[in-house]
Each structure stands twice: as C-alpha cells, then as structure tokens.
N, C-alpha and C. Protein backbone atom coordinates (compact mmCIF):
# COMPACT_ATOMS: atom_id res chain seq x y z
N MET A 1 0.84 -1.18 -0.02
CA MET A 1 0.03 -0.01 0.02
C MET A 1 0.89 1.25 -0.01
N ASP A 2 0.63 2.20 -0.91
CA ASP A 2 1.40 3.44 -0.97
C ASP A 2 1.08 4.29 0.21
N ARG A 3 2.09 4.95 0.75
CA ARG A 3 1.91 5.87 1.87
C ARG A 3 1.39 7.18 1.38
N LEU A 4 1.92 7.69 0.20
CA LEU A 4 1.50 8.94 -0.34
C LEU A 4 0.45 8.79 -1.39
N VAL A 5 -0.69 9.40 -1.20
CA VAL A 5 -1.85 9.25 -2.12
C VAL A 5 -2.36 10.64 -2.53
N SER A 6 -3.15 10.61 -3.58
CA SER A 6 -3.76 11.86 -4.07
C SER A 6 -4.82 12.37 -3.11
N ILE A 7 -5.31 13.58 -3.34
CA ILE A 7 -6.33 14.18 -2.47
C ILE A 7 -7.65 13.37 -2.52
N GLY A 8 -7.96 12.83 -3.71
CA GLY A 8 -9.14 12.03 -3.83
C GLY A 8 -9.05 10.70 -3.05
N GLU A 9 -7.87 10.08 -3.15
CA GLU A 9 -7.70 8.80 -2.38
C GLU A 9 -7.67 9.05 -0.89
N ALA A 10 -7.06 10.17 -0.45
CA ALA A 10 -7.01 10.50 0.93
C ALA A 10 -8.41 10.76 1.51
N ALA A 11 -9.24 11.52 0.71
CA ALA A 11 -10.58 11.80 1.14
C ALA A 11 -11.39 10.53 1.27
N LYS A 12 -11.22 9.60 0.33
CA LYS A 12 -11.94 8.35 0.37
C LYS A 12 -11.55 7.50 1.54
N ALA A 13 -10.25 7.47 1.83
CA ALA A 13 -9.75 6.69 3.01
C ALA A 13 -10.29 7.22 4.30
N LEU A 14 -10.43 8.57 4.42
CA LEU A 14 -10.91 9.18 5.62
C LEU A 14 -12.45 9.29 5.68
N GLY A 15 -13.08 9.02 4.58
CA GLY A 15 -14.55 9.06 4.55
C GLY A 15 -15.13 10.48 4.58
N VAL A 16 -14.36 11.42 3.95
CA VAL A 16 -14.84 12.80 3.90
C VAL A 16 -14.75 13.27 2.43
N SER A 17 -15.30 14.48 2.20
CA SER A 17 -15.24 15.02 0.82
C SER A 17 -13.89 15.70 0.57
N ILE A 18 -13.61 15.90 -0.70
CA ILE A 18 -12.36 16.60 -1.05
C ILE A 18 -12.42 18.02 -0.51
N THR A 19 -13.62 18.65 -0.52
CA THR A 19 -13.73 19.99 0.02
C THR A 19 -13.39 20.07 1.46
N THR A 20 -13.81 19.06 2.23
CA THR A 20 -13.50 18.98 3.67
C THR A 20 -12.00 18.84 3.87
N LEU A 21 -11.37 17.98 3.05
CA LEU A 21 -9.95 17.81 3.17
C LEU A 21 -9.19 19.10 2.91
N ARG A 22 -9.62 19.80 1.91
CA ARG A 22 -8.96 21.07 1.57
C ARG A 22 -9.15 22.13 2.72
N ARG A 23 -10.33 22.08 3.32
CA ARG A 23 -10.62 22.97 4.42
C ARG A 23 -9.70 22.64 5.64
N TRP A 24 -9.52 21.35 5.90
CA TRP A 24 -8.64 20.91 6.96
C TRP A 24 -7.21 21.39 6.71
N GLU A 25 -6.81 21.27 5.47
CA GLU A 25 -5.43 21.71 5.10
C GLU A 25 -5.29 23.22 5.27
N ALA A 26 -6.31 23.95 4.86
CA ALA A 26 -6.23 25.43 4.99
C ALA A 26 -6.19 25.88 6.45
N SER A 27 -6.86 25.09 7.31
CA SER A 27 -6.89 25.47 8.76
C SER A 27 -5.67 24.90 9.50
N GLY A 28 -4.83 24.14 8.82
CA GLY A 28 -3.63 23.59 9.46
C GLY A 28 -3.89 22.31 10.21
N LYS A 29 -5.11 21.72 10.01
CA LYS A 29 -5.38 20.46 10.70
C LYS A 29 -4.56 19.31 10.12
N LEU A 30 -4.24 19.41 8.84
CA LEU A 30 -3.35 18.41 8.23
C LEU A 30 -2.47 19.13 7.23
N VAL A 31 -1.35 18.49 6.89
CA VAL A 31 -0.37 19.07 5.95
C VAL A 31 -0.18 18.17 4.80
N ALA A 32 -0.20 18.68 3.58
CA ALA A 32 -0.01 17.89 2.38
C ALA A 32 1.49 18.04 1.97
N GLU A 33 1.98 16.97 1.33
CA GLU A 33 3.31 17.06 0.72
C GLU A 33 3.07 17.31 -0.75
N HIS A 34 4.16 17.75 -1.41
CA HIS A 34 4.05 18.11 -2.85
C HIS A 34 5.09 17.41 -3.66
N THR A 35 4.67 16.93 -4.82
CA THR A 35 5.58 16.28 -5.72
C THR A 35 6.42 17.29 -6.46
N ALA A 36 7.41 16.84 -7.27
CA ALA A 36 8.26 17.75 -8.01
C ALA A 36 7.41 18.57 -8.98
N GLY A 37 6.29 17.99 -9.43
CA GLY A 37 5.41 18.70 -10.37
C GLY A 37 4.41 19.59 -9.68
N GLY A 38 4.47 19.67 -8.31
CA GLY A 38 3.56 20.58 -7.56
C GLY A 38 2.23 19.97 -7.19
N HIS A 39 2.08 18.66 -7.35
CA HIS A 39 0.82 17.97 -6.98
C HIS A 39 0.80 17.63 -5.50
N ARG A 40 -0.40 17.78 -4.93
CA ARG A 40 -0.56 17.46 -3.47
C ARG A 40 -0.54 15.96 -3.30
N ARG A 41 0.10 15.50 -2.22
CA ARG A 41 0.08 14.11 -1.81
C ARG A 41 -0.06 14.05 -0.29
N TYR A 42 -0.89 13.09 0.11
CA TYR A 42 -1.15 13.00 1.56
C TYR A 42 -0.58 11.68 2.09
N ASP A 43 0.00 11.77 3.29
CA ASP A 43 0.66 10.57 3.88
C ASP A 43 -0.39 9.79 4.67
N LEU A 44 -0.77 8.66 4.11
CA LEU A 44 -1.80 7.81 4.79
C LEU A 44 -1.25 7.25 6.12
N ALA A 45 0.03 7.06 6.22
CA ALA A 45 0.58 6.53 7.46
C ALA A 45 0.34 7.47 8.63
N LYS A 46 0.20 8.79 8.30
CA LYS A 46 -0.11 9.74 9.34
C LYS A 46 -1.59 9.96 9.50
N LEU A 47 -2.32 9.88 8.40
CA LEU A 47 -3.81 10.06 8.46
C LEU A 47 -4.50 8.83 9.05
N LYS A 48 -4.07 7.66 8.67
CA LYS A 48 -4.66 6.41 9.19
C LYS A 48 -3.59 5.41 9.54
N PRO A 49 -2.87 5.64 10.67
CA PRO A 49 -1.74 4.80 11.02
C PRO A 49 -2.10 3.33 11.22
N GLU A 50 -3.34 3.02 11.52
CA GLU A 50 -3.75 1.63 11.74
C GLU A 50 -3.58 0.80 10.46
N LEU A 51 -3.58 1.43 9.30
CA LEU A 51 -3.40 0.71 8.03
C LEU A 51 -2.01 0.23 7.86
N PHE A 52 -1.02 0.80 8.63
CA PHE A 52 0.38 0.47 8.45
C PHE A 52 0.99 -0.17 9.62
N ARG A 53 0.17 -0.55 10.59
CA ARG A 53 0.75 -1.27 11.74
C ARG A 53 1.37 -2.61 11.29
N SER A 54 2.44 -2.93 11.89
CA SER A 54 3.14 -4.18 11.58
C SER A 54 2.32 -5.36 12.20
N GLU A 55 2.56 -6.53 11.72
CA GLU A 55 1.84 -7.71 12.21
C GLU A 55 2.11 -7.91 13.71
N ALA A 56 3.32 -7.58 14.12
CA ALA A 56 3.66 -7.71 15.53
C ALA A 56 2.88 -6.76 16.39
N GLU A 57 2.69 -5.51 15.90
CA GLU A 57 1.93 -4.54 16.64
C GLU A 57 0.44 -4.93 16.72
N ALA A 58 -0.05 -5.46 15.60
CA ALA A 58 -1.45 -5.87 15.53
C ALA A 58 -1.79 -7.00 16.53
N CYS A 59 -0.73 -7.80 16.86
CA CYS A 59 -0.94 -8.96 17.74
C CYS A 59 -0.80 -8.60 19.22
N ARG A 60 -0.36 -7.34 19.48
CA ARG A 60 -0.18 -6.95 20.89
C ARG A 60 -1.54 -6.94 21.60
N ARG A 61 -1.52 -7.41 22.84
CA ARG A 61 -2.82 -7.61 23.49
C ARG A 61 -3.15 -6.48 24.49
N THR A 62 -4.40 -6.48 24.90
CA THR A 62 -4.84 -5.62 25.94
C THR A 62 -4.77 -6.33 27.30
N VAL A 63 -4.18 -5.67 28.25
CA VAL A 63 -4.03 -6.28 29.62
C VAL A 63 -4.72 -5.35 30.63
N ALA A 64 -5.61 -5.91 31.42
CA ALA A 64 -6.26 -5.17 32.46
C ALA A 64 -5.58 -5.61 33.80
N TYR A 65 -5.19 -4.66 34.64
CA TYR A 65 -4.48 -5.00 35.84
C TYR A 65 -5.27 -4.57 37.05
N ALA A 66 -5.43 -5.49 38.02
CA ALA A 66 -6.18 -5.25 39.25
C ALA A 66 -5.33 -5.59 40.43
N ARG A 67 -5.44 -4.80 41.51
CA ARG A 67 -4.66 -5.08 42.75
C ARG A 67 -5.43 -4.65 43.98
N VAL A 68 -5.32 -5.43 45.06
CA VAL A 68 -5.84 -4.98 46.36
C VAL A 68 -4.73 -5.26 47.39
N SER A 69 -4.77 -4.54 48.52
CA SER A 69 -3.76 -4.72 49.55
C SER A 69 -3.88 -6.07 50.20
N SER A 70 -2.74 -6.64 50.49
CA SER A 70 -2.76 -7.99 51.14
C SER A 70 -3.04 -7.92 52.61
N HIS A 71 -3.15 -6.72 53.18
CA HIS A 71 -3.43 -6.59 54.61
C HIS A 71 -4.91 -6.58 54.95
N ASP A 72 -5.77 -6.50 53.94
CA ASP A 72 -7.19 -6.53 54.21
C ASP A 72 -7.61 -7.85 54.75
N GLN A 73 -8.80 -7.92 55.36
CA GLN A 73 -9.33 -9.20 55.80
C GLN A 73 -9.49 -10.11 54.58
N LYS A 74 -9.38 -11.41 54.81
CA LYS A 74 -9.36 -12.37 53.70
C LYS A 74 -10.60 -12.25 52.83
N ASP A 75 -11.79 -12.20 53.46
CA ASP A 75 -13.04 -12.12 52.69
C ASP A 75 -13.10 -10.79 51.92
N ASP A 76 -12.65 -9.70 52.56
CA ASP A 76 -12.67 -8.38 51.88
C ASP A 76 -11.71 -8.38 50.73
N GLN A 77 -10.59 -9.04 50.85
CA GLN A 77 -9.61 -9.12 49.76
C GLN A 77 -10.26 -9.72 48.50
N LYS A 78 -10.87 -10.87 48.75
CA LYS A 78 -11.47 -11.60 47.62
C LYS A 78 -12.59 -10.78 46.98
N ASP A 79 -13.45 -10.17 47.81
CA ASP A 79 -14.54 -9.37 47.26
C ASP A 79 -14.10 -8.16 46.52
N ASP A 80 -13.13 -7.43 47.08
CA ASP A 80 -12.63 -6.21 46.45
C ASP A 80 -11.95 -6.54 45.15
N LEU A 81 -11.14 -7.60 45.13
CA LEU A 81 -10.45 -7.96 43.92
C LEU A 81 -11.37 -8.38 42.84
N GLU A 82 -12.43 -9.16 43.20
CA GLU A 82 -13.42 -9.59 42.23
C GLU A 82 -14.17 -8.44 41.67
N ARG A 83 -14.56 -7.48 42.51
CA ARG A 83 -15.26 -6.30 41.99
C ARG A 83 -14.42 -5.51 41.02
N GLN A 84 -13.20 -5.33 41.34
CA GLN A 84 -12.27 -4.61 40.48
C GLN A 84 -12.11 -5.31 39.15
N LYS A 85 -11.95 -6.65 39.22
CA LYS A 85 -11.82 -7.40 37.95
C LYS A 85 -13.08 -7.32 37.11
N GLN A 86 -14.26 -7.35 37.76
CA GLN A 86 -15.50 -7.29 37.02
C GLN A 86 -15.67 -5.94 36.32
N VAL A 87 -15.25 -4.87 36.99
CA VAL A 87 -15.30 -3.54 36.35
C VAL A 87 -14.42 -3.49 35.11
N LEU A 88 -13.21 -4.04 35.23
CA LEU A 88 -12.28 -4.01 34.12
C LEU A 88 -12.79 -4.93 32.97
N GLU A 89 -13.28 -6.09 33.33
CA GLU A 89 -13.79 -7.03 32.29
C GLU A 89 -14.91 -6.45 31.55
N LEU A 90 -15.89 -5.82 32.29
CA LEU A 90 -17.05 -5.22 31.65
C LEU A 90 -16.66 -4.12 30.70
N TYR A 91 -15.74 -3.24 31.13
CA TYR A 91 -15.32 -2.11 30.31
C TYR A 91 -14.62 -2.63 29.03
N CYS A 92 -13.69 -3.59 29.15
CA CYS A 92 -12.94 -4.08 27.98
C CYS A 92 -13.89 -4.76 27.01
N ALA A 93 -14.85 -5.53 27.59
CA ALA A 93 -15.80 -6.26 26.70
C ALA A 93 -16.70 -5.28 25.92
N ARG A 94 -17.08 -4.19 26.56
CA ARG A 94 -17.93 -3.18 25.91
C ARG A 94 -17.16 -2.52 24.75
N GLN A 95 -15.86 -2.40 24.91
CA GLN A 95 -15.03 -1.80 23.81
C GLN A 95 -14.78 -2.79 22.68
N GLY A 96 -15.13 -4.04 22.90
CA GLY A 96 -14.85 -5.07 21.89
C GLY A 96 -13.41 -5.52 21.83
N TRP A 97 -12.67 -5.32 22.93
CA TRP A 97 -11.25 -5.71 23.01
C TRP A 97 -11.10 -7.17 23.43
N THR A 98 -10.14 -7.82 22.84
CA THR A 98 -9.71 -9.14 23.37
C THR A 98 -8.69 -8.82 24.46
N PHE A 99 -8.91 -9.35 25.64
CA PHE A 99 -8.08 -8.90 26.76
C PHE A 99 -7.76 -10.02 27.70
N GLU A 100 -6.76 -9.69 28.58
CA GLU A 100 -6.36 -10.62 29.67
C GLU A 100 -6.37 -9.83 30.96
N VAL A 101 -6.77 -10.44 32.03
CA VAL A 101 -6.77 -9.75 33.33
C VAL A 101 -5.65 -10.37 34.19
N ILE A 102 -4.83 -9.46 34.68
CA ILE A 102 -3.75 -9.82 35.65
C ILE A 102 -4.12 -9.26 36.98
N ALA A 103 -4.12 -10.08 38.03
CA ALA A 103 -4.55 -9.59 39.34
C ALA A 103 -3.45 -9.90 40.37
N ASP A 104 -3.29 -8.96 41.32
CA ASP A 104 -2.30 -9.14 42.38
C ASP A 104 -2.91 -8.84 43.73
N LEU A 105 -2.40 -9.52 44.71
CA LEU A 105 -2.79 -9.33 46.11
C LEU A 105 -1.52 -8.93 46.82
N GLY A 106 -1.37 -7.60 47.15
CA GLY A 106 -0.14 -7.19 47.80
C GLY A 106 -0.08 -5.73 47.99
N CYS A 107 0.89 -5.31 48.75
CA CYS A 107 1.14 -3.92 49.11
C CYS A 107 1.41 -3.11 47.85
N GLY A 108 0.91 -1.86 47.84
CA GLY A 108 1.09 -0.99 46.68
C GLY A 108 2.49 -0.46 46.55
N MET A 109 3.35 -0.73 47.52
CA MET A 109 4.75 -0.31 47.52
C MET A 109 5.68 -1.48 47.21
N ASN A 110 5.12 -2.63 46.90
CA ASN A 110 5.89 -3.81 46.63
C ASN A 110 6.06 -3.99 45.12
N TYR A 111 7.27 -3.94 44.61
CA TYR A 111 7.52 -4.09 43.19
C TYR A 111 7.73 -5.52 42.76
N GLN A 112 7.67 -6.47 43.74
CA GLN A 112 8.03 -7.86 43.45
C GLN A 112 6.78 -8.75 43.30
N LYS A 113 5.62 -8.19 43.19
CA LYS A 113 4.42 -8.97 43.01
C LYS A 113 4.47 -9.74 41.63
N LYS A 114 4.05 -10.94 41.68
CA LYS A 114 4.14 -11.80 40.50
C LYS A 114 3.43 -11.20 39.30
N GLY A 115 2.20 -10.76 39.49
CA GLY A 115 1.42 -10.21 38.39
C GLY A 115 2.06 -8.99 37.82
N LEU A 116 2.55 -8.09 38.69
CA LEU A 116 3.15 -6.86 38.23
C LEU A 116 4.42 -7.15 37.43
N LYS A 117 5.21 -8.09 37.92
CA LYS A 117 6.45 -8.45 37.22
C LYS A 117 6.12 -9.01 35.84
N ARG A 118 5.10 -9.87 35.79
CA ARG A 118 4.69 -10.44 34.44
C ARG A 118 4.21 -9.35 33.53
N LEU A 119 3.47 -8.36 34.09
CA LEU A 119 3.00 -7.25 33.26
C LEU A 119 4.13 -6.43 32.72
N LEU A 120 5.06 -6.10 33.56
CA LEU A 120 6.24 -5.26 33.13
C LEU A 120 7.10 -5.98 32.13
N GLU A 121 7.26 -7.28 32.32
CA GLU A 121 8.06 -8.07 31.36
C GLU A 121 7.39 -8.12 30.00
N SER A 122 6.04 -8.24 30.02
CA SER A 122 5.31 -8.25 28.74
C SER A 122 5.38 -6.92 28.01
N ILE A 123 5.33 -5.83 28.79
CA ILE A 123 5.45 -4.48 28.18
C ILE A 123 6.84 -4.31 27.55
N ILE A 124 7.87 -4.70 28.30
CA ILE A 124 9.24 -4.53 27.80
C ILE A 124 9.46 -5.34 26.56
N GLU A 125 8.87 -6.51 26.49
CA GLU A 125 9.00 -7.40 25.33
C GLU A 125 8.12 -7.02 24.15
N GLY A 126 7.36 -5.96 24.33
CA GLY A 126 6.50 -5.44 23.21
C GLY A 126 5.27 -6.27 22.96
N GLN A 127 4.77 -7.02 23.99
CA GLN A 127 3.66 -7.85 23.83
C GLN A 127 2.29 -7.19 24.17
N VAL A 128 2.39 -6.00 24.81
CA VAL A 128 1.21 -5.31 25.28
C VAL A 128 0.97 -4.05 24.43
N GLY A 129 -0.25 -3.88 23.99
CA GLY A 129 -0.62 -2.72 23.21
C GLY A 129 -1.46 -1.74 24.00
N ARG A 130 -2.10 -2.27 25.05
CA ARG A 130 -2.99 -1.40 25.85
C ARG A 130 -3.03 -1.92 27.33
N LEU A 131 -2.94 -0.98 28.22
CA LEU A 131 -3.04 -1.30 29.66
C LEU A 131 -4.24 -0.61 30.25
N VAL A 132 -5.12 -1.36 30.96
CA VAL A 132 -6.32 -0.80 31.52
C VAL A 132 -6.32 -1.01 33.00
N ILE A 133 -6.53 0.09 33.76
CA ILE A 133 -6.60 0.03 35.24
C ILE A 133 -7.74 0.87 35.72
N THR A 134 -8.24 0.58 36.93
CA THR A 134 -9.35 1.36 37.46
C THR A 134 -8.87 2.71 37.99
N HIS A 135 -7.76 2.73 38.72
CA HIS A 135 -7.16 3.94 39.23
C HIS A 135 -5.65 3.83 39.05
N LYS A 136 -4.99 4.97 38.98
CA LYS A 136 -3.55 4.99 38.90
C LYS A 136 -2.90 4.27 40.05
N ASP A 137 -3.46 4.44 41.29
CA ASP A 137 -2.89 3.84 42.44
C ASP A 137 -3.08 2.30 42.50
N ARG A 138 -3.93 1.78 41.68
CA ARG A 138 -4.04 0.34 41.68
C ARG A 138 -2.81 -0.33 41.05
N LEU A 139 -2.06 0.43 40.27
CA LEU A 139 -0.83 -0.11 39.67
C LEU A 139 0.26 -0.16 40.70
N LEU A 140 0.61 0.98 41.22
CA LEU A 140 1.60 1.12 42.27
C LEU A 140 1.25 2.34 43.14
N ARG A 141 1.50 2.24 44.43
CA ARG A 141 1.21 3.41 45.29
C ARG A 141 2.19 4.54 44.94
N PHE A 142 3.48 4.19 44.82
CA PHE A 142 4.54 5.16 44.42
C PHE A 142 5.30 4.51 43.27
N GLY A 143 5.52 5.31 42.24
CA GLY A 143 6.32 4.79 41.09
C GLY A 143 5.51 4.49 39.86
N ALA A 144 4.21 4.77 39.96
CA ALA A 144 3.30 4.52 38.78
C ALA A 144 3.77 5.30 37.55
N GLU A 145 4.28 6.54 37.77
CA GLU A 145 4.68 7.39 36.68
C GLU A 145 5.80 6.73 35.90
N LEU A 146 6.69 6.01 36.54
CA LEU A 146 7.76 5.35 35.87
C LEU A 146 7.25 4.27 34.93
N VAL A 147 6.19 3.54 35.38
CA VAL A 147 5.56 2.52 34.57
C VAL A 147 4.89 3.19 33.33
N PHE A 148 4.23 4.31 33.61
CA PHE A 148 3.57 5.04 32.50
C PHE A 148 4.60 5.54 31.47
N ALA A 149 5.76 5.97 31.94
CA ALA A 149 6.86 6.38 31.04
C ALA A 149 7.35 5.20 30.20
N MET A 150 7.40 4.02 30.81
CA MET A 150 7.76 2.83 30.09
C MET A 150 6.75 2.52 29.01
N CYS A 151 5.44 2.68 29.37
CA CYS A 151 4.36 2.39 28.40
C CYS A 151 4.46 3.35 27.20
N GLU A 152 4.78 4.61 27.50
CA GLU A 152 4.89 5.60 26.44
C GLU A 152 6.05 5.27 25.52
N ALA A 153 7.16 4.81 26.12
CA ALA A 153 8.33 4.45 25.27
C ALA A 153 8.04 3.24 24.44
N LYS A 154 7.18 2.34 24.94
CA LYS A 154 6.82 1.15 24.18
C LYS A 154 5.55 1.25 23.38
N SER A 155 5.03 2.50 23.27
CA SER A 155 3.76 2.79 22.54
C SER A 155 2.59 1.96 23.08
N VAL A 156 2.51 1.90 24.39
CA VAL A 156 1.42 1.21 25.01
C VAL A 156 0.38 2.20 25.45
N GLU A 157 -0.88 2.04 24.97
CA GLU A 157 -1.97 2.98 25.38
C GLU A 157 -2.36 2.64 26.82
N VAL A 158 -2.44 3.64 27.64
CA VAL A 158 -2.86 3.49 29.03
C VAL A 158 -4.24 4.04 29.23
N VAL A 159 -5.16 3.20 29.70
CA VAL A 159 -6.55 3.59 29.96
C VAL A 159 -6.82 3.53 31.44
N ILE A 160 -7.12 4.69 32.07
CA ILE A 160 -7.43 4.75 33.50
C ILE A 160 -8.93 5.06 33.60
N LEU A 161 -9.71 4.14 34.12
CA LEU A 161 -11.15 4.27 34.10
C LEU A 161 -11.61 5.43 35.00
N ASN A 162 -10.97 5.64 36.13
CA ASN A 162 -11.31 6.73 37.01
C ASN A 162 -10.09 7.65 37.11
N GLN A 163 -10.20 8.81 36.41
CA GLN A 163 -9.04 9.72 36.39
C GLN A 163 -8.89 10.51 37.69
N GLY A 164 -9.93 10.49 38.49
CA GLY A 164 -9.80 11.22 39.79
C GLY A 164 -9.01 10.45 40.81
N GLU A 165 -8.82 11.07 41.94
CA GLU A 165 -8.07 10.36 43.03
C GLU A 165 -8.88 9.20 43.53
N ASP A 166 -8.16 8.11 43.82
CA ASP A 166 -8.81 6.95 44.41
C ASP A 166 -9.43 7.34 45.74
N THR A 167 -10.72 7.10 45.89
CA THR A 167 -11.43 7.53 47.04
C THR A 167 -10.91 6.88 48.34
N THR A 168 -10.19 5.74 48.24
CA THR A 168 -9.72 5.04 49.40
C THR A 168 -8.19 5.20 49.53
N PHE A 169 -7.66 6.29 49.02
CA PHE A 169 -6.22 6.52 49.07
C PHE A 169 -5.64 6.43 50.48
N GLU A 170 -6.24 7.21 51.39
CA GLU A 170 -5.73 7.28 52.73
C GLU A 170 -5.85 5.89 53.46
N GLU A 171 -6.97 5.26 53.21
CA GLU A 171 -7.15 3.93 53.84
C GLU A 171 -6.12 2.92 53.30
N ASP A 172 -5.93 2.92 51.97
CA ASP A 172 -4.98 1.99 51.39
C ASP A 172 -3.54 2.29 51.77
N LEU A 173 -3.23 3.60 51.89
CA LEU A 173 -1.89 3.96 52.29
C LEU A 173 -1.63 3.51 53.72
N ALA A 174 -2.64 3.72 54.58
CA ALA A 174 -2.47 3.29 55.97
C ALA A 174 -2.27 1.79 56.05
N LYS A 175 -3.00 1.05 55.22
CA LYS A 175 -2.89 -0.42 55.21
C LYS A 175 -1.49 -0.86 54.72
N ASP A 176 -0.98 -0.09 53.71
CA ASP A 176 0.33 -0.46 53.21
C ASP A 176 1.41 -0.20 54.26
N VAL A 177 1.30 0.92 54.97
CA VAL A 177 2.26 1.23 56.00
C VAL A 177 2.16 0.17 57.12
N LEU A 178 0.94 -0.17 57.49
CA LEU A 178 0.70 -1.17 58.54
C LEU A 178 1.32 -2.51 58.15
N GLU A 179 1.20 -2.83 56.86
CA GLU A 179 1.77 -4.11 56.37
C GLU A 179 3.27 -4.11 56.48
N ILE A 180 3.91 -2.99 56.16
CA ILE A 180 5.36 -2.90 56.30
C ILE A 180 5.80 -3.00 57.74
N ILE A 181 5.07 -2.34 58.66
CA ILE A 181 5.42 -2.44 60.09
C ILE A 181 5.21 -3.88 60.58
N THR A 182 4.17 -4.52 60.10
CA THR A 182 3.92 -5.92 60.49
C THR A 182 5.05 -6.80 60.14
N VAL A 183 5.60 -6.64 58.95
CA VAL A 183 6.72 -7.53 58.44
C VAL A 183 7.95 -7.26 59.30
N PHE A 184 8.32 -5.97 59.48
CA PHE A 184 9.54 -5.67 60.21
C PHE A 184 9.42 -6.02 61.72
N SER A 185 8.24 -5.83 62.29
CA SER A 185 8.02 -6.17 63.65
C SER A 185 8.14 -7.65 63.89
N ALA A 186 7.62 -8.46 62.95
CA ALA A 186 7.67 -9.89 63.08
C ALA A 186 9.12 -10.39 63.04
N ARG A 187 9.94 -9.69 62.14
CA ARG A 187 11.32 -10.09 62.04
C ARG A 187 12.12 -9.69 63.28
N LEU A 188 11.70 -8.54 63.87
CA LEU A 188 12.43 -8.00 65.01
C LEU A 188 12.08 -8.78 66.32
N TYR A 189 10.79 -9.03 66.53
CA TYR A 189 10.35 -9.62 67.78
C TYR A 189 9.83 -11.03 67.69
N GLY A 190 9.59 -11.47 66.46
CA GLY A 190 8.94 -12.77 66.26
C GLY A 190 7.46 -12.58 66.10
N SER A 191 6.83 -13.29 65.17
CA SER A 191 5.44 -13.05 64.80
C SER A 191 4.47 -13.28 65.98
N ARG A 192 4.84 -14.17 66.95
CA ARG A 192 3.94 -14.52 68.01
C ARG A 192 4.29 -13.91 69.34
N SER A 193 5.29 -13.06 69.37
CA SER A 193 5.72 -12.49 70.66
C SER A 193 4.75 -11.42 71.13
N ARG A 194 4.75 -11.16 72.45
CA ARG A 194 3.87 -10.18 73.04
C ARG A 194 4.27 -8.79 72.61
N LYS A 195 5.59 -8.54 72.45
CA LYS A 195 6.04 -7.24 72.00
C LYS A 195 5.53 -6.90 70.61
N ASN A 196 5.59 -7.93 69.79
CA ASN A 196 5.13 -7.75 68.39
C ASN A 196 3.61 -7.40 68.38
N GLN A 197 2.82 -8.13 69.16
CA GLN A 197 1.39 -7.91 69.16
C GLN A 197 1.05 -6.52 69.76
N LYS A 198 1.82 -6.14 70.82
CA LYS A 198 1.60 -4.86 71.45
C LYS A 198 1.89 -3.72 70.47
N LEU A 199 2.94 -3.84 69.72
CA LEU A 199 3.34 -2.83 68.71
C LEU A 199 2.24 -2.72 67.63
N LEU A 200 1.79 -3.85 67.12
CA LEU A 200 0.76 -3.84 66.08
C LEU A 200 -0.53 -3.25 66.57
N ASP A 201 -0.93 -3.64 67.82
CA ASP A 201 -2.14 -3.07 68.36
C ASP A 201 -2.06 -1.55 68.48
N GLY A 202 -0.90 -1.04 68.87
CA GLY A 202 -0.70 0.40 68.98
C GLY A 202 -0.84 1.10 67.65
N VAL A 203 -0.19 0.49 66.59
CA VAL A 203 -0.23 1.04 65.28
C VAL A 203 -1.65 1.07 64.72
N LYS A 204 -2.36 -0.08 64.90
CA LYS A 204 -3.72 -0.19 64.42
C LYS A 204 -4.64 0.87 65.02
N LYS A 205 -4.40 1.08 66.36
CA LYS A 205 -5.25 2.09 67.04
C LYS A 205 -4.90 3.48 66.52
N ALA A 206 -3.67 3.74 66.21
CA ALA A 206 -3.29 5.06 65.67
C ALA A 206 -3.92 5.29 64.29
N VAL A 207 -3.92 4.19 63.49
CA VAL A 207 -4.50 4.30 62.14
C VAL A 207 -6.00 4.57 62.26
N GLU A 208 -6.69 3.81 63.17
CA GLU A 208 -8.13 4.00 63.33
C GLU A 208 -8.45 5.41 63.83
N ASP A 209 -7.66 5.91 64.77
CA ASP A 209 -7.90 7.24 65.30
C ASP A 209 -7.74 8.34 64.23
N SER A 210 -6.76 8.10 63.32
CA SER A 210 -6.49 9.10 62.28
C SER A 210 -7.61 9.12 61.22
N GLN A 211 -8.37 8.01 61.11
CA GLN A 211 -9.44 7.94 60.11
C GLN A 211 -10.79 8.28 60.66
N SER A 212 -10.88 8.41 61.97
CA SER A 212 -12.16 8.69 62.61
C SER A 212 -12.48 10.17 62.60
C-alpha cells in the first residue's frame, strides 16, 4: 500500500469530501506534501496509522491490571479484587477488545508482585498494546509514573477508568504502612511475641484514630 496518495484517495480513505480535506489543510489540521510537479500528496501513514501497523503490533494484546492490599481481611480481599476485575472485564468487553486480566494481592509499594512483574516483562518485550486499570494507584502506590513512562516508550496505550483520586487512598496507604510495620516487627520480635502484638495493636489504634 502506498503511503503517499492523491487528495481524492485520501478523502476516500478518511470518509470525507475533497472539499472537507482542503478545508482541513487550509486550517492547518493536516499538511500535504508536494511532488516535483507541484501535486498534493497525503501521507496515509499519518492520516490512518492503523493501516500500516506491523503484524507484531497488531498482535499486541490488551491487559487489564487489578490489585488490592494484602493486609485486608481475607473475605474483603477476595470481594474487592473480584469487584475490580468485574469492572475491568465489563469495560474491555464493551469496547470489543480481546483482553487478559492480571490480578495481584499485595502492598502498593511492593515491586516484586508476580502479576506486576509479568505485566512489566510483557510491556518490555513489546507484547502489550494497551493497559487498563481502574485507578492509577491500583498499579503502584509510588512509582506509577515510571511505569507510564515505560508504556509511552513502548507505545502502550494506558486507559485509566477513574481519572480522579482513588477515594480510598488514605485507607490504602495506611494499610500499606501497617503491612510494612507488620513484616519488620515480626522479624524483630517474632510473629507470636507479646512485644510484636503490642506494637501492632498500637499502630492499628493510631490508624483507626486518624481515620475517625
């Protein structure tokens, strides 16, 4: 397929009239190239890039990523993760996308989650064309911008269903901090020691007081 086409072919490819195409050019919406003889030619690769995607790009998949904190109660973990997955699945299905859901149970400050590592490896290898998440903070609590920069470098479209701040940001952050303290306290005092339990009870009370 030729990249440079006449004004008539370009109008047909875009589904508009020649007059509309000329108006767009006059307003600067698009720019025509010119042959040595002074004839207008339009670059279809710029006007309709999907026509020139490589086979590898066309095979790149949509991945929806869901995560909940591992410090939640077990039943709440399962329910929250399932709700998040259902939202993502419904959205992707409505768009007509073929997709895969990757889900993680873990702290938003942990970069070693299996699902996240698999997602990042797939992005680096050029296997992902679109990433869908409910909130930015569902990806990572801190460092999400680095992942988005990676997506941009790899031409991965990022779709965030809720562009506003996650309404449970403070709660999730408190749970993440509590999880970190739990791990370090268990290593310092032992998971079943009285000192460990006393420390955790004090932290939990402080978190509850701050949220009341």
